[in-house]
Amino acid sequence: QIRTLFEEGWGEIDHHILYPYKKSDPMLTEFSELLNRLS
């Protein structure tokens, strides 16, 4: 996989919080989406 440093920062947080066991949590999913846009 190839990512930028910004993408990696978001990806690590998303993986730690959401993937793969909390994807159905709407609050955490929305927060991850916002962080994704920032990255």
PDB file of all heavy atoms in Angstrom:
ATOM      1  N   GLN A   1       0.849  -1.192   0.000  1.00  0.00           N
ATOM      2  CA  GLN A   1       0.000   0.000   0.000  1.00  0.00           C
ATOM      3  C   GLN A   1       0.884   1.241   0.000  1.00  0.00           C
ATOM      4  O   GLN A   1       1.944   1.249   0.643  1.00  0.00           O
ATOM      5  CB  GLN A   1      -0.888   0.046   1.248  1.00  0.00           C
ATOM      6  CG  GLN A   1      -1.960  -0.994   1.318  1.00  0.00           C
ATOM      7  CD  GLN A   1      -2.860  -0.765   2.524  1.00  0.00           C
ATOM      8  OE1 GLN A   1      -3.155   0.363   2.903  1.00  0.00           O
ATOM      9  NE2 GLN A   1      -3.288  -1.856   3.138  1.00  0.00           N
ATOM     10  N   ILE A   2       0.434   2.271  -0.692  1.00  0.00           N
ATOM     11  CA  ILE A   2       1.134   3.559  -0.690  1.00  0.00           C
ATOM     12  C   ILE A   2       0.158   4.625  -0.213  1.00  0.00           C
ATOM     13  O   ILE A   2      -0.942   4.759  -0.755  1.00  0.00           O
ATOM     14  CB  ILE A   2       1.668   3.918  -2.090  1.00  0.00           C
ATOM     15  CG1 ILE A   2       2.627   2.833  -2.590  1.00  0.00           C
ATOM     16  CG2 ILE A   2       2.372   5.271  -2.059  1.00  0.00           C
ATOM     17  CD1 ILE A   2       3.863   2.638  -1.724  1.00  0.00           C
ATOM     18  N   ARG A   3       0.571   5.375   0.798  1.00  0.00           N
ATOM     19  CA  ARG A   3      -0.237   6.462   1.351  1.00  0.00           C
ATOM     20  C   ARG A   3       0.644   7.664   1.634  1.00  0.00           C
ATOM     21  O   ARG A   3       1.850   7.543   1.825  1.00  0.00           O
ATOM     22  CB  ARG A   3      -0.882   6.039   2.679  1.00  0.00           C
ATOM     23  CG  ARG A   3      -1.976   5.019   2.592  1.00  0.00           C
ATOM     24  CD  ARG A   3      -2.478   4.693   3.989  1.00  0.00           C
ATOM     25  NE  ARG A   3      -3.611   3.792   3.983  1.00  0.00           N
ATOM     26  CZ  ARG A   3      -4.171   3.306   5.080  1.00  0.00           C
ATOM     27  NH1 ARG A   3      -3.700   3.663   6.270  1.00  0.00           N
ATOM     28  NH2 ARG A   3      -5.196   2.485   5.008  1.00  0.00           N
ATOM     29  N   THR A   4       0.003   8.824   1.698  1.00  0.00           N
ATOM     30  CA  THR A   4       0.714  10.001   2.195  1.00  0.00           C
ATOM     31  C   THR A   4       0.723   9.961   3.720  1.00  0.00           C
ATOM     32  O   THR A   4      -0.012   9.185   4.345  1.00  0.00           O
ATOM     33  CB  THR A   4       0.045  11.309   1.738  1.00  0.00           C
ATOM     34  OG1 THR A   4      -1.251  11.401   2.357  1.00  0.00           O
ATOM     35  CG2 THR A   4      -0.113  11.355   0.224  1.00  0.00           C
ATOM     36  N   LEU A   5       1.532  10.823   4.319  1.00  0.00           N
ATOM     37  CA  LEU A   5       1.591  10.881   5.783  1.00  0.00           C
ATOM     38  C   LEU A   5       0.248  11.303   6.370  1.00  0.00           C
ATOM     39  O   LEU A   5      -0.164  10.810   7.424  1.00  0.00           O
ATOM     40  CB  LEU A   5       2.689  11.852   6.228  1.00  0.00           C
ATOM     41  CG  LEU A   5       4.121  11.430   5.909  1.00  0.00           C
ATOM     42  CD1 LEU A   5       5.099  12.500   6.385  1.00  0.00           C
ATOM     43  CD2 LEU A   5       4.466  10.097   6.557  1.00  0.00           C
ATOM     44  N   PHE A   6      -0.459  12.218   5.696  1.00  0.00           N
ATOM     45  CA  PHE A   6      -1.781  12.635   6.172  1.00  0.00           C
ATOM     46  C   PHE A   6      -2.758  11.463   6.123  1.00  0.00           C
ATOM     47  O   PHE A   6      -3.541  11.249   7.051  1.00  0.00           O
ATOM     48  CB  PHE A   6      -2.318  13.795   5.332  1.00  0.00           C
ATOM     49  CG  PHE A   6      -1.769  15.135   5.723  1.00  0.00           C
ATOM     50  CD1 PHE A   6      -0.851  15.788   4.908  1.00  0.00           C
ATOM     51  CD2 PHE A   6      -2.156  15.754   6.901  1.00  0.00           C
ATOM     52  CE1 PHE A   6      -0.342  17.025   5.258  1.00  0.00           C
ATOM     53  CE2 PHE A   6      -1.658  16.994   7.259  1.00  0.00           C
ATOM     54  CZ  PHE A   6      -0.742  17.632   6.440  1.00  0.00           C
ATOM     55  N   GLU A   7      -2.734  10.710   5.024  1.00  0.00           N
ATOM     56  CA  GLU A   7      -3.621   9.556   4.892  1.00  0.00           C
ATOM     57  C   GLU A   7      -3.317   8.508   5.954  1.00  0.00           C
ATOM     58  O   GLU A   7      -4.228   7.881   6.515  1.00  0.00           O
ATOM     59  CB  GLU A   7      -3.472   8.942   3.496  1.00  0.00           C
ATOM     60  CG  GLU A   7      -4.028   9.818   2.383  1.00  0.00           C
ATOM     61  CD  GLU A   7      -3.556   9.389   1.001  1.00  0.00           C
ATOM     62  OE1 GLU A   7      -2.619   8.590   0.905  1.00  0.00           O
ATOM     63  OE2 GLU A   7      -4.125   9.888   0.011  1.00  0.00           O
ATOM     64  N   GLU A   8      -2.045   8.321   6.233  1.00  0.00           N
ATOM     65  CA  GLU A   8      -1.659   7.338   7.236  1.00  0.00           C
ATOM     66  C   GLU A   8      -2.131   7.744   8.628  1.00  0.00           C
ATOM     67  O   GLU A   8      -2.582   6.912   9.410  1.00  0.00           O
ATOM     68  CB  GLU A   8      -0.130   7.163   7.226  1.00  0.00           C
ATOM     69  CG  GLU A   8       0.413   6.230   8.283  1.00  0.00           C
ATOM     70  CD  GLU A   8       0.066   4.772   8.034  1.00  0.00           C
ATOM     71  OE1 GLU A   8      -0.651   4.467   7.052  1.00  0.00           O
ATOM     72  OE2 GLU A   8       0.520   3.930   8.825  1.00  0.00           O
ATOM     73  N   GLY A   9      -2.028   9.045   8.929  1.00  0.00           N
ATOM     74  CA  GLY A   9      -2.491   9.520  10.236  1.00  0.00           C
ATOM     75  C   GLY A   9      -3.961   9.244  10.440  1.00  0.00           C
ATOM     76  O   GLY A   9      -4.376   8.701  11.479  1.00  0.00           O
ATOM     77  N   TRP A  10      -4.775   9.604   9.437  1.00  0.00           N
ATOM     78  CA  TRP A  10      -6.210   9.310   9.559  1.00  0.00           C
ATOM     79  C   TRP A  10      -6.456   7.814   9.595  1.00  0.00           C
ATOM     80  O   TRP A  10      -7.248   7.313  10.401  1.00  0.00           O
ATOM     81  CB  TRP A  10      -6.984   9.909   8.379  1.00  0.00           C
ATOM     82  CG  TRP A  10      -8.388   9.396   8.359  1.00  0.00           C
ATOM     83  CD1 TRP A  10      -9.442   9.813   9.114  1.00  0.00           C
ATOM     84  CD2 TRP A  10      -8.875   8.285   7.584  1.00  0.00           C
ATOM     85  NE1 TRP A  10     -10.559   9.061   8.850  1.00  0.00           N
ATOM     86  CE2 TRP A  10     -10.242   8.111   7.912  1.00  0.00           C
ATOM     87  CE3 TRP A  10      -8.297   7.442   6.643  1.00  0.00           C
ATOM     88  CZ2 TRP A  10     -11.020   7.119   7.334  1.00  0.00           C
ATOM     89  CZ3 TRP A  10      -9.073   6.454   6.075  1.00  0.00           C
ATOM     90  CH2 TRP A  10     -10.420   6.308   6.420  1.00  0.00           C
ATOM     91  N   GLY A  11      -5.769   7.053   8.725  1.00  0.00           N
ATOM     92  CA  GLY A  11      -6.000   5.620   8.635  1.00  0.00           C
ATOM     93  C   GLY A  11      -5.702   4.899   9.932  1.00  0.00           C
ATOM     94  O   GLY A  11      -6.428   3.973  10.325  1.00  0.00           O
ATOM     95  N   GLU A  12      -4.645   5.312  10.618  1.00  0.00           N
ATOM     96  CA  GLU A  12      -4.289   4.657  11.876  1.00  0.00           C
ATOM     97  C   GLU A  12      -5.344   4.922  12.954  1.00  0.00           C
ATOM     98  O   GLU A  12      -5.708   4.027  13.715  1.00  0.00           O
ATOM     99  CB  GLU A  12      -2.919   5.142  12.352  1.00  0.00           C
ATOM    100  CG  GLU A  12      -1.760   4.516  11.590  1.00  0.00           C
ATOM    101  CD  GLU A  12      -1.729   3.005  11.759  1.00  0.00           C
ATOM    102  OE1 GLU A  12      -1.436   2.529  12.871  1.00  0.00           O
ATOM    103  OE2 GLU A  12      -2.026   2.294  10.773  1.00  0.00           O
ATOM    104  N   ILE A  13      -5.824   6.160  13.008  1.00  0.00           N
ATOM    105  CA  ILE A  13      -6.868   6.475  13.997  1.00  0.00           C
ATOM    106  C   ILE A  13      -8.152   5.729  13.665  1.00  0.00           C
ATOM    107  O   ILE A  13      -8.801   5.149  14.541  1.00  0.00           O
ATOM    108  CB  ILE A  13      -7.107   7.996  14.039  1.00  0.00           C
ATOM    109  CG1 ILE A  13      -5.867   8.705  14.588  1.00  0.00           C
ATOM    110  CG2 ILE A  13      -8.326   8.333  14.902  1.00  0.00           C
ATOM    111  CD1 ILE A  13      -5.929  10.216  14.530  1.00  0.00           C
ATOM    112  N   ASP A  14      -8.524   5.720  12.388  1.00  0.00           N
ATOM    113  CA  ASP A  14      -9.739   5.026  11.966  1.00  0.00           C
ATOM    114  C   ASP A  14      -9.637   3.525  12.253  1.00  0.00           C
ATOM    115  O   ASP A  14     -10.588   2.906  12.731  1.00  0.00           O
ATOM    116  CB  ASP A  14      -9.963   5.254  10.475  1.00  0.00           C
ATOM    117  CG  ASP A  14     -11.240   4.594   9.972  1.00  0.00           C
ATOM    118  OD1 ASP A  14     -12.321   5.133  10.259  1.00  0.00           O
ATOM    119  OD2 ASP A  14     -11.149   3.550   9.305  1.00  0.00           O
ATOM    120  N   HIS A  15      -8.478   2.941  11.981  1.00  0.00           N
ATOM    121  CA  HIS A  15      -8.293   1.512  12.206  1.00  0.00           C
ATOM    122  C   HIS A  15      -8.354   1.191  13.701  1.00  0.00           C
ATOM    123  O   HIS A  15      -8.914   0.175  14.106  1.00  0.00           O
ATOM    124  CB  HIS A  15      -6.943   1.073  11.638  1.00  0.00           C
ATOM    125  CG  HIS A  15      -6.779  -0.412  11.553  1.00  0.00           C
ATOM    126  ND1 HIS A  15      -6.422  -1.177  12.634  1.00  0.00           N
ATOM    127  CD2 HIS A  15      -6.935  -1.272  10.515  1.00  0.00           C
ATOM    128  CE1 HIS A  15      -6.352  -2.449  12.273  1.00  0.00           C
ATOM    129  NE2 HIS A  15      -6.658  -2.538  10.993  1.00  0.00           N
ATOM    130  N   HIS A  16      -7.793   2.077  14.501  1.00  0.00           N
ATOM    131  CA  HIS A  16      -7.773   1.834  15.946  1.00  0.00           C
ATOM    132  C   HIS A  16      -9.163   1.938  16.557  1.00  0.00           C
ATOM    133  O   HIS A  16      -9.533   1.181  17.457  1.00  0.00           O
ATOM    134  CB  HIS A  16      -6.834   2.831  16.628  1.00  0.00           C
ATOM    135  CG  HIS A  16      -6.681   2.620  18.098  1.00  0.00           C
ATOM    136  ND1 HIS A  16      -7.387   3.345  19.032  1.00  0.00           N
ATOM    137  CD2 HIS A  16      -5.924   1.740  18.800  1.00  0.00           C
ATOM    138  CE1 HIS A  16      -7.062   2.936  20.250  1.00  0.00           C
ATOM    139  NE2 HIS A  16      -6.170   1.963  20.134  1.00  0.00           N
ATOM    140  N   ILE A  17      -9.970   2.880  16.047  1.00  0.00           N
ATOM    141  CA  ILE A  17     -11.274   3.134  16.660  1.00  0.00           C
ATOM    142  C   ILE A  17     -12.391   2.338  15.983  1.00  0.00           C
ATOM    143  O   ILE A  17     -13.240   1.746  16.653  1.00  0.00           O
ATOM    144  CB  ILE A  17     -11.603   4.645  16.606  1.00  0.00           C
ATOM    145  CG1 ILE A  17     -10.600   5.418  17.468  1.00  0.00           C
ATOM    146  CG2 ILE A  17     -13.023   4.909  17.095  1.00  0.00           C
ATOM    147  CD1 ILE A  17     -10.766   6.912  17.402  1.00  0.00           C
ATOM    148  N   LEU A  18     -12.389   2.292  14.653  1.00  0.00           N
ATOM    149  CA  LEU A  18     -13.530   1.716  13.936  1.00  0.00           C
ATOM    150  C   LEU A  18     -13.309   0.297  13.411  1.00  0.00           C
ATOM    151  O   LEU A  18     -14.163  -0.559  13.558  1.00  0.00           O
ATOM    152  CB  LEU A  18     -13.917   2.611  12.750  1.00  0.00           C
ATOM    153  CG  LEU A  18     -14.743   3.851  13.063  1.00  0.00           C
ATOM    154  CD1 LEU A  18     -15.034   4.592  11.769  1.00  0.00           C
ATOM    155  CD2 LEU A  18     -16.048   3.486  13.751  1.00  0.00           C
ATOM    156  N   TYR A  19     -12.186   0.090  12.766  1.00  0.00           N
ATOM    157  CA  TYR A  19     -12.009  -1.139  11.987  1.00  0.00           C
ATOM    158  C   TYR A  19     -11.549  -2.278  12.866  1.00  0.00           C
ATOM    159  O   TYR A  19     -10.598  -2.121  13.625  1.00  0.00           O
ATOM    160  CB  TYR A  19     -10.991  -0.905  10.873  1.00  0.00           C
ATOM    161  CG  TYR A  19     -10.769  -2.109   9.997  1.00  0.00           C
ATOM    162  CD1 TYR A  19     -11.601  -2.352   8.917  1.00  0.00           C
ATOM    163  CD2 TYR A  19      -9.736  -2.990  10.257  1.00  0.00           C
ATOM    164  CE1 TYR A  19     -11.394  -3.445   8.107  1.00  0.00           C
ATOM    165  CE2 TYR A  19      -9.531  -4.096   9.456  1.00  0.00           C
ATOM    166  CZ  TYR A  19     -10.359  -4.314   8.381  1.00  0.00           C
ATOM    167  OH  TYR A  19     -10.158  -5.405   7.579  1.00  0.00           O
ATOM    168  N   PRO A  20     -12.134  -3.471  12.753  1.00  0.00           N
ATOM    169  CA  PRO A  20     -13.330  -3.758  11.945  1.00  0.00           C
ATOM    170  C   PRO A  20     -14.563  -3.953  12.803  1.00  0.00           C
ATOM    171  O   PRO A  20     -15.545  -4.494  12.347  1.00  0.00           O
ATOM    172  CB  PRO A  20     -12.942  -5.070  11.266  1.00  0.00           C
ATOM    173  CG  PRO A  20     -12.133  -5.777  12.321  1.00  0.00           C
ATOM    174  CD  PRO A  20     -11.447  -4.696  13.148  1.00  0.00           C
ATOM    175  N   TYR A  21     -14.521  -3.525  14.071  1.00  0.00           N
ATOM    176  CA  TYR A  21     -15.540  -3.967  15.023  1.00  0.00           C
ATOM    177  C   TYR A  21     -16.569  -2.917  15.411  1.00  0.00           C
ATOM    178  O   TYR A  21     -17.542  -3.221  16.078  1.00  0.00           O
ATOM    179  CB  TYR A  21     -14.850  -4.491  16.292  1.00  0.00           C
ATOM    180  CG  TYR A  21     -13.694  -5.401  15.989  1.00  0.00           C
ATOM    181  CD1 TYR A  21     -12.423  -5.126  16.460  1.00  0.00           C
ATOM    182  CD2 TYR A  21     -13.873  -6.540  15.186  1.00  0.00           C
ATOM    183  CE1 TYR A  21     -11.355  -5.965  16.164  1.00  0.00           C
ATOM    184  CE2 TYR A  21     -12.816  -7.373  14.889  1.00  0.00           C
ATOM    185  CZ  TYR A  21     -11.560  -7.081  15.378  1.00  0.00           C
ATOM    186  OH  TYR A  21     -10.513  -7.904  15.067  1.00  0.00           O
ATOM    187  N   LYS A  22     -16.375  -1.642  15.015  1.00  0.00           N
ATOM    188  CA  LYS A  22     -17.310  -0.602  15.431  1.00  0.00           C
ATOM    189  C   LYS A  22     -17.826   0.202  14.244  1.00  0.00           C
ATOM    190  O   LYS A  22     -18.182   1.372  14.378  1.00  0.00           O
ATOM    191  CB  LYS A  22     -16.643   0.333  16.442  1.00  0.00           C
ATOM    192  CG  LYS A  22     -16.245  -0.354  17.744  1.00  0.00           C
ATOM    193  CD  LYS A  22     -15.611   0.632  18.723  1.00  0.00           C
ATOM    194  CE  LYS A  22     -15.187  -0.060  20.015  1.00  0.00           C
ATOM    195  NZ  LYS A  22     -14.540   0.865  20.958  1.00  0.00           N
ATOM    196  N   LYS A  23     -17.859  -0.406  13.069  1.00  0.00           N
ATOM    197  CA  LYS A  23     -18.273   0.316  11.873  1.00  0.00           C
ATOM    198  C   LYS A  23     -19.732   0.737  11.929  1.00  0.00           C
ATOM    199  O   LYS A  23     -20.147   1.624  11.189  1.00  0.00           O
ATOM    200  CB  LYS A  23     -18.030  -0.550  10.633  1.00  0.00           C
ATOM    201  CG  LYS A  23     -16.555  -0.727  10.289  1.00  0.00           C
ATOM    202  CD  LYS A  23     -16.391  -1.555   9.026  1.00  0.00           C
ATOM    203  CE  LYS A  23     -14.930  -1.693   8.659  1.00  0.00           C
ATOM    204  NZ  LYS A  23     -14.738  -2.524   7.452  1.00  0.00           N
ATOM    205  N   SER A  24     -20.512   0.101  12.782  1.00  0.00           N
ATOM    206  CA  SER A  24     -21.938   0.427  12.851  1.00  0.00           C
ATOM    207  C   SER A  24     -22.233   1.572  13.807  1.00  0.00           C
ATOM    208  O   SER A  24     -23.385   1.995  13.921  1.00  0.00           O
ATOM    209  CB  SER A  24     -22.739  -0.811  13.282  1.00  0.00           C
ATOM    210  OG  SER A  24     -22.307  -1.262  14.565  1.00  0.00           O
ATOM    211  N   ASP A  25     -21.227   2.098  14.484  1.00  0.00           N
ATOM    212  CA  ASP A  25     -21.438   3.194  15.427  1.00  0.00           C
ATOM    213  C   ASP A  25     -21.547   4.505  14.644  1.00  0.00           C
ATOM    214  O   ASP A  25     -20.549   4.986  14.094  1.00  0.00           O
ATOM    215  CB  ASP A  25     -20.272   3.273  16.410  1.00  0.00           C
ATOM    216  CG  ASP A  25     -20.528   4.255  17.543  1.00  0.00           C
ATOM    217  OD1 ASP A  25     -20.937   5.405  17.247  1.00  0.00           O
ATOM    218  OD2 ASP A  25     -20.317   3.896  18.713  1.00  0.00           O
ATOM    219  N   PRO A  26     -22.745   5.133  14.560  1.00  0.00           N
ATOM    220  CA  PRO A  26     -22.913   6.312  13.699  1.00  0.00           C
ATOM    221  C   PRO A  26     -22.103   7.515  14.175  1.00  0.00           C
ATOM    222  O   PRO A  26     -21.631   8.305  13.355  1.00  0.00           O
ATOM    223  CB  PRO A  26     -24.423   6.579  13.769  1.00  0.00           C
ATOM    224  CG  PRO A  26     -24.876   5.943  15.043  1.00  0.00           C
ATOM    225  CD  PRO A  26     -24.000   4.744  15.242  1.00  0.00           C
ATOM    226  N   MET A  27     -21.943   7.676  15.480  1.00  0.00           N
ATOM    227  CA  MET A  27     -21.208   8.825  15.996  1.00  0.00           C
ATOM    228  C   MET A  27     -19.724   8.717  15.640  1.00  0.00           C
ATOM    229  O   MET A  27     -19.117   9.680  15.136  1.00  0.00           O
ATOM    230  CB  MET A  27     -21.376   8.916  17.516  1.00  0.00           C
ATOM    231  CG  MET A  27     -20.685  10.119  18.133  1.00  0.00           C
ATOM    232  SD  MET A  27     -20.995  10.245  19.914  1.00  0.00           S
ATOM    233  CE  MET A  27     -20.185   8.750  20.506  1.00  0.00           C
ATOM    234  N   LEU A  28     -19.122   7.543  15.860  1.00  0.00           N
ATOM    235  CA  LEU A  28     -17.710   7.357  15.546  1.00  0.00           C
ATOM    236  C   LEU A  28     -17.477   7.407  14.039  1.00  0.00           C
ATOM    237  O   LEU A  28     -16.458   7.935  13.574  1.00  0.00           O
ATOM    238  CB  LEU A  28     -17.221   6.027  16.106  1.00  0.00           C
ATOM    239  CG  LEU A  28     -17.186   5.915  17.629  1.00  0.00           C
ATOM    240  CD1 LEU A  28     -16.721   4.527  18.058  1.00  0.00           C
ATOM    241  CD2 LEU A  28     -16.275   6.969  18.234  1.00  0.00           C
ATOM    242  N   THR A  29     -18.419   6.883  13.267  1.00  0.00           N
ATOM    243  CA  THR A  29     -18.280   6.909  11.811  1.00  0.00           C
ATOM    244  C   THR A  29     -18.294   8.338  11.281  1.00  0.00           C
ATOM    245  O   THR A  29     -17.496   8.704  10.410  1.00  0.00           O
ATOM    246  CB  THR A  29     -19.414   6.099  11.154  1.00  0.00           C
ATOM    247  OG1 THR A  29     -19.354   4.745  11.618  1.00  0.00           O
ATOM    248  CG2 THR A  29     -19.295   6.119   9.641  1.00  0.00           C
ATOM    249  N   GLU A  30     -19.169   9.170  11.812  1.00  0.00           N
ATOM    250  CA  GLU A  30     -19.234  10.565  11.360  1.00  0.00           C
ATOM    251  C   GLU A  30     -17.959  11.319  11.734  1.00  0.00           C
ATOM    252  O   GLU A  30     -17.428  12.106  10.947  1.00  0.00           O
ATOM    253  CB  GLU A  30     -20.449  11.273  11.979  1.00  0.00           C
ATOM    254  CG  GLU A  30     -20.617  12.710  11.493  1.00  0.00           C
ATOM    255  CD  GLU A  30     -21.907  13.342  11.969  1.00  0.00           C
ATOM    256  OE1 GLU A  30     -22.812  12.615  12.413  1.00  0.00           O
ATOM    257  OE2 GLU A  30     -22.005  14.584  11.877  1.00  0.00           O
ATOM    258  N   PHE A  31     -17.456  11.053  12.947  1.00  0.00           N
ATOM    259  CA  PHE A  31     -16.206  11.707  13.354  1.00  0.00           C
ATOM    260  C   PHE A  31     -15.057  11.292  12.433  1.00  0.00           C
ATOM    261  O   PHE A  31     -14.240  12.128  12.014  1.00  0.00           O
ATOM    262  CB  PHE A  31     -15.862  11.337  14.797  1.00  0.00           C
ATOM    263  CG  PHE A  31     -14.551  11.912  15.255  1.00  0.00           C
ATOM    264  CD1 PHE A  31     -14.454  13.240  15.649  1.00  0.00           C
ATOM    265  CD2 PHE A  31     -13.404  11.132  15.279  1.00  0.00           C
ATOM    266  CE1 PHE A  31     -13.237  13.776  16.061  1.00  0.00           C
ATOM    267  CE2 PHE A  31     -12.187  11.659  15.682  1.00  0.00           C
ATOM    268  CZ  PHE A  31     -12.109  12.977  16.077  1.00  0.00           C
ATOM    269  N   SER A  32     -15.008   9.996  12.082  1.00  0.00           N
ATOM    270  CA  SER A  32     -13.953   9.517  11.201  1.00  0.00           C
ATOM    271  C   SER A  32     -14.050  10.171   9.823  1.00  0.00           C
ATOM    272  O   SER A  32     -13.036  10.498   9.200  1.00  0.00           O
ATOM    273  CB  SER A  32     -14.048   7.995  11.069  1.00  0.00           C
ATOM    274  OG  SER A  32     -13.043   7.504  10.211  1.00  0.00           O
ATOM    275  N   GLU A  33     -15.276  10.380   9.344  1.00  0.00           N
ATOM    276  CA  GLU A  33     -15.469  11.033   8.046  1.00  0.00           C
ATOM    277  C   GLU A  33     -14.939  12.467   8.074  1.00  0.00           C
ATOM    278  O   GLU A  33     -14.309  12.929   7.118  1.00  0.00           O
ATOM    279  CB  GLU A  33     -16.959  11.035   7.683  1.00  0.00           C
ATOM    280  CG  GLU A  33     -17.480   9.696   7.175  1.00  0.00           C
ATOM    281  CD  GLU A  33     -17.059   9.427   5.744  1.00  0.00           C
ATOM    282  OE1 GLU A  33     -16.527  10.340   5.092  1.00  0.00           O
ATOM    283  OE2 GLU A  33     -17.250   8.295   5.273  1.00  0.00           O
ATOM    284  N   LEU A  34     -15.212  13.183   9.155  1.00  0.00           N
ATOM    285  CA  LEU A  34     -14.718  14.560   9.281  1.00  0.00           C
ATOM    286  C   LEU A  34     -13.191  14.587   9.279  1.00  0.00           C
ATOM    287  O   LEU A  34     -12.561  15.422   8.619  1.00  0.00           O
ATOM    288  CB  LEU A  34     -15.259  15.197  10.556  1.00  0.00           C
ATOM    289  CG  LEU A  34     -16.768  15.474  10.593  1.00  0.00           C
ATOM    290  CD1 LEU A  34     -17.197  15.906  11.990  1.00  0.00           C
ATOM    291  CD2 LEU A  34     -17.138  16.547   9.579  1.00  0.00           C
ATOM    292  N   LEU A  35     -12.594  13.666  10.026  1.00  0.00           N
ATOM    293  CA  LEU A  35     -11.137  13.594  10.084  1.00  0.00           C
ATOM    294  C   LEU A  35     -10.555  13.229   8.722  1.00  0.00           C
ATOM    295  O   LEU A  35      -9.498  13.727   8.319  1.00  0.00           O
ATOM    296  CB  LEU A  35     -10.718  12.563  11.137  1.00  0.00           C
ATOM    297  CG  LEU A  35      -9.270  12.610  11.620  1.00  0.00           C
ATOM    298  CD1 LEU A  35      -8.948  13.971  12.226  1.00  0.00           C
ATOM    299  CD2 LEU A  35      -9.033  11.511  12.651  1.00  0.00           C
ATOM    300  N   ASN A  36     -11.276  12.397   7.990  1.00  0.00           N
ATOM    301  CA  ASN A  36     -10.851  11.999   6.653  1.00  0.00           C
ATOM    302  C   ASN A  36     -10.816  13.206   5.719  1.00  0.00           C
ATOM    303  O   ASN A  36      -9.886  13.383   4.920  1.00  0.00           O
ATOM    304  CB  ASN A  36     -11.812  10.924   6.125  1.00  0.00           C
ATOM    305  CG  ASN A  36     -11.288  10.260   4.865  1.00  0.00           C
ATOM    306  OD1 ASN A  36     -10.161  10.473   4.453  1.00  0.00           O
ATOM    307  ND2 ASN A  36     -12.121   9.456   4.248  1.00  0.00           N
ATOM    308  N   ARG A  37     -11.840  14.046   5.796  1.00  0.00           N
ATOM    309  CA  ARG A  37     -11.862  15.250   4.952  1.00  0.00           C
ATOM    310  C   ARG A  37     -10.684  16.168   5.278  1.00  0.00           C
ATOM    311  O   ARG A  37     -10.065  16.759   4.390  1.00  0.00           O
ATOM    312  CB  ARG A  37     -13.169  16.003   5.142  1.00  0.00           C
ATOM    313  CG  ARG A  37     -14.394  15.282   4.592  1.00  0.00           C
ATOM    314  CD  ARG A  37     -15.650  16.065   4.872  1.00  0.00           C
ATOM    315  NE  ARG A  37     -16.806  15.198   5.010  1.00  0.00           N
ATOM    316  CZ  ARG A  37     -17.962  15.581   5.488  1.00  0.00           C
ATOM    317  NH1 ARG A  37     -18.122  16.824   5.887  1.00  0.00           N
ATOM    318  NH2 ARG A  37     -18.970  14.727   5.577  1.00  0.00           N
ATOM    319  N   LEU A  38     -10.379  16.306   6.565  1.00  0.00           N
ATOM    320  CA  LEU A  38      -9.257  17.145   6.967  1.00  0.00           C
ATOM    321  C   LEU A  38      -7.941  16.611   6.417  1.00  0.00           C
ATOM    322  O   LEU A  38      -7.082  17.377   5.974  1.00  0.00           O
ATOM    323  CB  LEU A  38      -9.192  17.235   8.495  1.00  0.00           C
ATOM    324  CG  LEU A  38     -10.225  18.125   9.176  1.00  0.00           C
ATOM    325  CD1 LEU A  38     -10.125  18.001  10.693  1.00  0.00           C
ATOM    326  CD2 LEU A  38     -10.030  19.580   8.768  1.00  0.00           C
ATOM    327  N   SER A  39      -7.768  15.299   6.445  1.00  0.00           N
ATOM    328  CA  SER A  39      -6.524  14.721   5.936  1.00  0.00           C
ATOM    329  C   SER A  39      -6.413  14.957   4.429  1.00  0.00           C
ATOM    330  O   SER A  39      -5.322  15.223   3.918  1.00  0.00           O
ATOM    331  CB  SER A  39      -6.455  13.227   6.255  1.00  0.00           C
ATOM    332  OG  SER A  39      -7.400  12.495   5.502  1.00  0.00           O
TER     333      SER A  39
END
